[in-house]
N, C-alpha and C. Protein backbone atom coordinates (compact mmCIF):
# COMPACT_ATOMS: atom_id res chain seq x y z
N UNK A 1 -25.58 11.90 13.40
CA UNK A 1 -25.32 11.92 11.96
C UNK A 1 -23.86 11.57 11.69
N UNK A 2 -22.94 12.16 12.47
CA UNK A 2 -21.52 11.90 12.24
C UNK A 2 -21.16 10.45 12.50
N UNK A 3 -21.80 9.83 13.48
CA UNK A 3 -21.53 8.44 13.79
C UNK A 3 -21.89 7.53 12.63
N UNK A 4 -23.01 7.81 11.99
CA UNK A 4 -23.45 7.00 10.84
C UNK A 4 -22.48 7.17 9.67
N UNK A 5 -22.05 8.41 9.41
CA UNK A 5 -21.11 8.67 8.32
C UNK A 5 -19.77 7.97 8.58
N UNK A 6 -19.30 8.04 9.82
CA UNK A 6 -18.04 7.39 10.18
C UNK A 6 -18.16 5.88 10.01
N UNK A 7 -19.31 5.34 10.42
CA UNK A 7 -19.54 3.90 10.27
C UNK A 7 -19.51 3.50 8.80
N UNK A 8 -20.23 4.26 7.96
CA UNK A 8 -20.28 3.94 6.52
C UNK A 8 -18.90 4.05 5.88
N UNK A 9 -18.12 5.05 6.32
CA UNK A 9 -16.76 5.20 5.80
C UNK A 9 -15.90 4.01 6.22
N UNK A 10 -16.04 3.58 7.47
CA UNK A 10 -15.27 2.43 7.96
C UNK A 10 -15.63 1.17 7.19
N UNK A 11 -16.91 0.98 6.89
CA UNK A 11 -17.34 -0.19 6.12
C UNK A 11 -16.75 -0.13 4.72
N UNK A 12 -16.78 1.05 4.09
CA UNK A 12 -16.24 1.20 2.74
C UNK A 12 -14.74 0.89 2.72
N UNK A 13 -14.01 1.40 3.70
CA UNK A 13 -12.56 1.15 3.80
C UNK A 13 -12.30 -0.34 3.99
N UNK A 14 -13.04 -0.97 4.89
CA UNK A 14 -12.86 -2.41 5.15
C UNK A 14 -13.13 -3.23 3.90
N UNK A 15 -14.21 -2.90 3.18
CA UNK A 15 -14.54 -3.63 1.96
C UNK A 15 -13.45 -3.46 0.91
N UNK A 16 -12.91 -2.25 0.78
CA UNK A 16 -11.86 -1.99 -0.20
C UNK A 16 -10.59 -2.78 0.14
N UNK A 17 -10.26 -2.84 1.42
CA UNK A 17 -9.08 -3.60 1.84
C UNK A 17 -9.27 -5.09 1.58
N UNK A 18 -10.45 -5.58 1.91
CA UNK A 18 -10.72 -7.01 1.75
C UNK A 18 -10.74 -7.41 0.28
N UNK A 19 -11.34 -6.58 -0.57
CA UNK A 19 -11.49 -6.92 -1.99
C UNK A 19 -10.27 -6.55 -2.82
N UNK A 20 -9.41 -5.67 -2.27
CA UNK A 20 -8.24 -5.23 -3.03
C UNK A 20 -8.53 -4.02 -3.90
N UNK A 21 -9.73 -3.45 -3.80
CA UNK A 21 -10.10 -2.29 -4.61
C UNK A 21 -9.70 -0.99 -3.93
N UNK A 22 -8.44 -0.89 -3.59
CA UNK A 22 -7.94 0.26 -2.84
C UNK A 22 -8.04 1.54 -3.65
N UNK A 23 -7.92 1.43 -4.97
CA UNK A 23 -7.96 2.62 -5.83
C UNK A 23 -9.31 3.33 -5.77
N UNK A 24 -10.34 2.67 -5.26
CA UNK A 24 -11.67 3.28 -5.16
C UNK A 24 -11.78 4.24 -3.98
N UNK A 25 -10.80 4.22 -3.09
CA UNK A 25 -10.86 5.07 -1.90
C UNK A 25 -10.38 6.48 -2.21
N UNK A 26 -10.94 7.45 -1.48
CA UNK A 26 -10.49 8.84 -1.62
C UNK A 26 -9.23 9.05 -0.78
N UNK A 27 -8.60 10.21 -0.97
CA UNK A 27 -7.41 10.55 -0.20
C UNK A 27 -7.73 10.52 1.30
N UNK A 28 -8.87 11.09 1.67
CA UNK A 28 -9.26 11.14 3.08
C UNK A 28 -9.47 9.73 3.64
N UNK A 29 -10.11 8.86 2.84
CA UNK A 29 -10.36 7.50 3.30
C UNK A 29 -9.06 6.71 3.45
N UNK A 30 -8.12 6.93 2.55
CA UNK A 30 -6.82 6.26 2.67
C UNK A 30 -6.11 6.76 3.92
N UNK A 31 -6.08 8.07 4.12
CA UNK A 31 -5.43 8.64 5.30
C UNK A 31 -6.06 8.09 6.58
N UNK A 32 -7.38 7.99 6.60
CA UNK A 32 -8.10 7.48 7.78
C UNK A 32 -7.87 5.98 7.96
N UNK A 33 -8.00 5.23 6.89
CA UNK A 33 -7.90 3.77 6.96
C UNK A 33 -6.51 3.26 7.26
N UNK A 34 -5.49 4.06 6.92
CA UNK A 34 -4.11 3.62 7.10
C UNK A 34 -3.35 4.46 8.12
N UNK A 35 -4.07 5.15 9.00
CA UNK A 35 -3.40 6.04 9.95
C UNK A 35 -2.51 5.29 10.95
N UNK A 36 -2.83 4.03 11.23
CA UNK A 36 -2.04 3.26 12.20
C UNK A 36 -1.09 2.26 11.54
N UNK A 37 -0.91 2.41 10.23
CA UNK A 37 -0.08 1.49 9.45
C UNK A 37 1.32 2.08 9.30
N UNK A 38 2.37 1.26 9.33
CA UNK A 38 3.72 1.80 9.11
C UNK A 38 3.77 2.54 7.77
N UNK A 39 4.40 3.72 7.78
CA UNK A 39 4.46 4.51 6.55
C UNK A 39 5.80 5.21 6.42
N UNK A 40 6.12 5.56 5.18
CA UNK A 40 7.32 6.34 4.89
C UNK A 40 6.97 7.37 3.82
N UNK A 41 7.70 8.46 3.84
CA UNK A 41 7.56 9.46 2.78
C UNK A 41 8.74 9.33 1.85
N UNK A 42 8.45 9.35 0.55
CA UNK A 42 9.53 9.26 -0.43
C UNK A 42 9.41 10.40 -1.44
N UNK A 43 10.52 10.72 -2.03
CA UNK A 43 10.54 11.67 -3.13
C UNK A 43 11.19 10.97 -4.31
N UNK A 44 10.62 11.17 -5.47
CA UNK A 44 11.18 10.54 -6.66
C UNK A 44 10.74 9.10 -6.80
N UNK A 45 11.41 8.39 -7.68
CA UNK A 45 11.08 7.00 -7.98
C UNK A 45 12.02 6.06 -7.22
N UNK A 46 11.45 4.99 -6.66
CA UNK A 46 12.25 4.03 -5.90
C UNK A 46 11.85 2.61 -6.30
N UNK A 47 12.84 1.76 -6.45
CA UNK A 47 12.63 0.36 -6.82
C UNK A 47 11.85 -0.36 -5.73
N UNK A 48 10.98 -1.28 -6.14
CA UNK A 48 10.13 -2.03 -5.22
C UNK A 48 10.93 -2.79 -4.17
N UNK A 49 12.05 -3.37 -4.55
CA UNK A 49 12.86 -4.14 -3.59
C UNK A 49 13.35 -3.21 -2.47
N UNK A 50 13.82 -2.01 -2.85
CA UNK A 50 14.30 -1.05 -1.85
C UNK A 50 13.16 -0.56 -0.96
N UNK A 51 11.98 -0.35 -1.55
CA UNK A 51 10.82 0.11 -0.78
C UNK A 51 10.41 -0.93 0.26
N UNK A 52 10.41 -2.19 -0.12
CA UNK A 52 10.01 -3.24 0.82
C UNK A 52 10.93 -3.28 2.04
N UNK A 53 12.22 -3.06 1.83
CA UNK A 53 13.16 -3.01 2.95
C UNK A 53 12.94 -1.73 3.75
N UNK A 54 12.72 -0.61 3.05
CA UNK A 54 12.54 0.69 3.69
C UNK A 54 11.35 0.72 4.65
N UNK A 55 10.23 0.08 4.26
CA UNK A 55 9.04 0.09 5.12
C UNK A 55 9.01 -1.10 6.10
N UNK A 56 10.09 -1.88 6.11
CA UNK A 56 10.21 -3.06 6.97
C UNK A 56 9.23 -4.17 6.61
N UNK A 57 8.79 -4.21 5.35
CA UNK A 57 7.98 -5.33 4.88
C UNK A 57 8.88 -6.54 4.65
N UNK A 58 10.17 -6.27 4.45
CA UNK A 58 11.18 -7.32 4.29
C UNK A 58 12.42 -6.92 5.07
N UNK A 59 13.10 -7.90 5.63
CA UNK A 59 14.29 -7.59 6.44
C UNK A 59 15.54 -7.43 5.59
N UNK A 60 15.47 -7.88 4.33
CA UNK A 60 16.63 -7.77 3.44
C UNK A 60 16.15 -7.73 1.99
N UNK A 61 17.04 -7.34 1.09
CA UNK A 61 16.69 -7.34 -0.33
C UNK A 61 16.43 -8.76 -0.82
N UNK A 62 17.16 -9.72 -0.28
CA UNK A 62 16.94 -11.11 -0.66
C UNK A 62 15.53 -11.54 -0.29
N UNK A 63 15.12 -11.20 0.93
CA UNK A 63 13.78 -11.56 1.38
C UNK A 63 12.72 -10.82 0.55
N UNK A 64 12.98 -9.57 0.20
CA UNK A 64 12.05 -8.80 -0.63
C UNK A 64 11.85 -9.48 -1.98
N UNK A 65 12.95 -9.92 -2.59
CA UNK A 65 12.86 -10.61 -3.89
C UNK A 65 12.09 -11.93 -3.75
N UNK A 66 12.28 -12.61 -2.62
CA UNK A 66 11.56 -13.86 -2.36
C UNK A 66 10.06 -13.60 -2.27
N UNK A 67 9.67 -12.56 -1.54
CA UNK A 67 8.25 -12.20 -1.43
C UNK A 67 7.67 -11.89 -2.81
N UNK A 68 8.42 -11.16 -3.63
CA UNK A 68 7.96 -10.82 -4.98
C UNK A 68 7.79 -12.08 -5.82
N UNK A 69 8.77 -12.95 -5.78
CA UNK A 69 8.72 -14.20 -6.56
C UNK A 69 7.50 -15.03 -6.17
N UNK A 70 7.18 -15.05 -4.88
CA UNK A 70 6.07 -15.85 -4.38
C UNK A 70 4.71 -15.19 -4.57
N UNK A 71 4.68 -13.97 -5.12
CA UNK A 71 3.41 -13.28 -5.33
C UNK A 71 2.79 -12.75 -4.05
N UNK A 72 3.62 -12.52 -3.03
CA UNK A 72 3.12 -12.08 -1.73
C UNK A 72 2.96 -10.56 -1.62
N UNK A 73 3.39 -9.83 -2.65
CA UNK A 73 3.37 -8.37 -2.60
C UNK A 73 2.35 -7.82 -3.59
N UNK A 74 1.54 -6.88 -3.10
CA UNK A 74 0.66 -6.16 -4.02
C UNK A 74 0.83 -4.67 -3.78
N UNK A 75 0.71 -3.93 -4.87
CA UNK A 75 0.82 -2.48 -4.84
C UNK A 75 -0.52 -1.92 -5.31
N UNK A 76 -1.17 -1.15 -4.46
CA UNK A 76 -2.48 -0.57 -4.77
C UNK A 76 -3.46 -1.64 -5.27
N UNK A 77 -3.39 -2.83 -4.68
CA UNK A 77 -4.33 -3.88 -5.01
C UNK A 77 -3.91 -4.80 -6.15
N UNK A 78 -2.77 -4.52 -6.80
CA UNK A 78 -2.30 -5.33 -7.92
C UNK A 78 -1.06 -6.13 -7.50
N UNK A 79 -1.08 -7.45 -7.71
CA UNK A 79 0.08 -8.29 -7.37
C UNK A 79 1.25 -7.90 -8.26
N UNK A 80 2.42 -7.75 -7.63
CA UNK A 80 3.64 -7.39 -8.35
C UNK A 80 4.67 -8.49 -8.12
N UNK A 81 5.26 -8.99 -9.22
CA UNK A 81 6.31 -10.00 -9.13
C UNK A 81 7.61 -9.52 -9.76
N UNK A 82 7.59 -8.35 -10.36
CA UNK A 82 8.72 -7.81 -11.11
C UNK A 82 9.71 -7.11 -10.18
N UNK A 83 10.95 -7.60 -10.13
CA UNK A 83 11.99 -6.99 -9.29
C UNK A 83 12.29 -5.56 -9.73
N UNK A 84 12.02 -5.23 -10.97
CA UNK A 84 12.34 -3.90 -11.51
C UNK A 84 11.18 -2.92 -11.41
N UNK A 85 10.07 -3.32 -10.78
CA UNK A 85 8.92 -2.42 -10.63
C UNK A 85 9.36 -1.19 -9.84
N UNK A 86 8.90 -0.03 -10.28
CA UNK A 86 9.29 1.23 -9.65
C UNK A 86 8.08 1.89 -9.01
N UNK A 87 8.24 2.27 -7.75
CA UNK A 87 7.21 3.03 -7.04
C UNK A 87 7.42 4.49 -7.41
N UNK A 88 6.39 5.12 -7.97
CA UNK A 88 6.52 6.52 -8.36
C UNK A 88 5.22 7.26 -8.07
N UNK A 89 5.32 8.56 -8.04
CA UNK A 89 4.16 9.40 -7.79
C UNK A 89 3.11 9.21 -8.89
N UNK A 90 3.58 8.94 -10.11
CA UNK A 90 2.67 8.78 -11.24
C UNK A 90 1.75 7.57 -11.09
N UNK A 91 2.23 6.49 -10.46
CA UNK A 91 1.35 5.33 -10.29
C UNK A 91 0.74 5.26 -8.89
N UNK A 92 0.84 6.36 -8.15
CA UNK A 92 0.24 6.44 -6.82
C UNK A 92 -1.24 6.77 -6.93
N UNK A 93 -1.98 6.47 -5.89
CA UNK A 93 -3.39 6.83 -5.84
C UNK A 93 -3.48 8.34 -5.64
N UNK A 94 -4.15 9.00 -6.51
CA UNK A 94 -4.28 10.47 -6.56
C UNK A 94 -2.92 11.16 -6.41
N UNK A 95 -1.89 10.56 -6.97
CA UNK A 95 -0.51 11.09 -6.91
C UNK A 95 -0.02 11.33 -5.49
N UNK A 96 -0.62 10.69 -4.50
CA UNK A 96 -0.23 10.93 -3.11
C UNK A 96 0.15 9.69 -2.32
N UNK A 97 -0.56 8.58 -2.55
CA UNK A 97 -0.36 7.39 -1.72
C UNK A 97 -0.13 6.14 -2.56
N UNK A 98 0.76 5.30 -2.08
CA UNK A 98 0.91 3.95 -2.63
C UNK A 98 0.73 3.00 -1.46
N UNK A 99 -0.19 2.05 -1.61
CA UNK A 99 -0.45 1.08 -0.56
C UNK A 99 0.26 -0.23 -0.92
N UNK A 100 1.14 -0.65 -0.02
CA UNK A 100 1.88 -1.90 -0.19
C UNK A 100 1.27 -2.92 0.75
N UNK A 101 1.00 -4.10 0.21
CA UNK A 101 0.45 -5.18 1.03
C UNK A 101 1.35 -6.39 0.90
N UNK A 102 1.72 -6.97 2.04
CA UNK A 102 2.50 -8.21 2.06
C UNK A 102 1.65 -9.29 2.71
N UNK A 103 1.40 -10.34 1.96
CA UNK A 103 0.55 -11.40 2.48
C UNK A 103 -0.89 -10.94 2.57
N UNK A 104 -1.60 -11.42 3.57
CA UNK A 104 -3.02 -11.08 3.69
C UNK A 104 -3.31 -9.90 4.60
N UNK A 105 -2.44 -9.65 5.57
CA UNK A 105 -2.81 -8.68 6.61
C UNK A 105 -1.80 -7.57 6.85
N UNK A 106 -0.67 -7.59 6.18
CA UNK A 106 0.38 -6.61 6.46
C UNK A 106 0.35 -5.48 5.44
N UNK A 107 -0.01 -4.29 5.91
CA UNK A 107 -0.11 -3.12 5.04
C UNK A 107 0.95 -2.09 5.40
N UNK A 108 1.39 -1.36 4.38
CA UNK A 108 2.37 -0.29 4.54
C UNK A 108 1.95 0.84 3.61
N UNK A 109 2.18 2.07 4.03
CA UNK A 109 1.75 3.21 3.24
C UNK A 109 2.96 4.03 2.81
N UNK A 110 3.02 4.33 1.52
CA UNK A 110 4.05 5.20 0.97
C UNK A 110 3.38 6.53 0.67
N UNK A 111 3.93 7.60 1.21
CA UNK A 111 3.41 8.95 0.94
C UNK A 111 4.36 9.64 -0.04
N UNK A 112 3.78 10.22 -1.08
CA UNK A 112 4.59 10.88 -2.11
C UNK A 112 4.54 12.38 -1.94
């Protein structure tokens, strides 16, 4: 029984990642699906450019701004191009997680 449940959960997580519907995942599914992904814990509000450097999604603020300009960054499944976008607990999934995606395959997890 547990194997089937784990399989179904893995399929749901994979589909959410592929489709960008990350907000549909529960806290447990996010924790499970992103357990091997680079993550950082933050307190308070932090600018997107600083977060991208903090999680090593970008090697510099210049590169972070370039990724944003090119539409390569999404936050919780939504493409972000605004240099002034702020990562906060209020716009996190269940006030706990923010999922940062760079390109097609690079994921990073922010824990609030």
